[in-house]
Amino acid sequence: MNIVERAGQFVQGLKKIMRLRAEGWKQCPRCGSYHTIRHGTYARHPWGIRGRLTIRVQRHKCHQCQHTYAEQTIWLAPRSWYTRAVHRMAIDGWMHGRSSLRRVAEFVRSMIGRQERWWIWHSLLEEELGEKAEEKSCYLSASTVQRWLDRAGNVAQASIAGQLRGIRCAGEMGTDGLWARLRGGVKRVGLLLVDYTSGLVHPPVVVEDEAQASHWGQLFQRAQAAGLWLADLNGITSDGSQGLLSYLRTELSGVHQQRCVWHVWRSVSRQVRQQIKMAVQGLDDQAAKERRRQLRRELSGMLHAFFDATSYECAEEALAELAAHICGQALATGLEKLQDALLMHLMQNHTGLTRVGPEWYWRDFRQRLSGGRNHGSQQRLERALLSWAIYRNFTPAQRRSEQKRHYRHPGQSPLEVAGAPPGSLSYLDALGV
């Protein structure tokens, strides 16, 4: 059962509770006997979207097993001071609103309690009333939202096995890591595996470092448990991590590695500055400035011709031109060693493989507070990443293109592109919220 089927099962369970009438609750949920009687009521006072509620809950008692039970409603969260809608709004505020836990708690608290920021939104109402109405005492805190998020993470962690089973994978993947500083100065790195064709995010892992092949093995083993056939892998775009390269050589020798051109550009830029600095030594300020500008323009054009080449022949020509330049011999020597890895995406059997690692996925996660530092421990960070991965897979891309940003599948979620459309189901249903 994959994640879409589990979300549907959760929704069907809620609908089953909705369909139960008074007669339906006469059956004991423990032994199945209908020899039951009403056994009093009790009051609950949860916080809902529109404020504090007072609800009478009917209890029943079974004469056969002497078990007592209460009627359930889908919008009352078990053993919580807040309704299910408040739980879902708070988690969605962190996931989709990309806010911190503290700000999410403040926003929800202000809305449901009509306090704090609510009076900023309704300043004219305050003037009309002449004075502030009596403020409600809602004490929703960031730690409570963190607990709800962690509970959803436990559900996501329990759903790893078979999470993406039966969902199409093209075999052209991308992987990257995100470092986070946790409580006590501890550093951990989250490893991510993405299907470039559909945008599906496989369940990530959090490890101590990315220099060991065994840590990358944990990532691929988890993806395999989620439903990925490692034999289907064809190419992987990544940075120059030696741990990943070692794992691919020993365990996945048939998978080609495409080096992320962004990471290579970053290292090449430093070498360009060093070469230009050596070339302008001994010149006066004005001549050095003009010479520096000229060399930077020439080298940048040659490097762009190599990195953006549309064929191996064009790349060879650009590399030869760079080697003939007065400042380009060292640059050409270094790039020649990486030529095959940098141009792997040009091969006919790697259609769909991109030149850049999945940095933009981490950008979405980093927009939340401190890139994961507020989770404190490695286990909580991993559970948050697992929940976020499910959110990414269920959430459709926006339909409207921006000035510098276009979406390959506007209005479609990665699951829909992969052939498993969730329909009206959301990631909150998959997380059992």
Foldseek 3Di string as FASTA:
>chain_A
DALLVLLVVLVVVQVVLVPQDPQNVCADPPPRDNQKDWDAWDWAFAQEQAATDIDIWIKMAHPVVRDIDIRDHSQCDPPDSHTPVLLVQLLCCVQVVVEELAVSQVVSCCRRFVDDCVCVVVVVVCVVVVHDDDTGDDDRGSVNNLVSLLLLLVLLVVNLQQHQAPFDAQQQKEKEKDWAQAPPRQIKIKIWIARLQLGATHQIAIGRDQQALVNVVVGVVSSVRNHDDLVNHAEYEYAPRNSVVVNCVPPVVRYAYAYQVVNVVVVVVVLLVVLLVVVLPPPDDVVSVVSSVVSVVVLVVLVCQQLVPLDVVSNVVSLVVQCPDPSRVVVSVVVVVCSCNNCVCNDPVNPSHDNHHVPVVQVSQCSYPRSQHVLRDSSSSSSSSSLSSLQQQQDAADQDADPPGDDPGHPAGSSVSSPRHSPPRHSCSSSSD
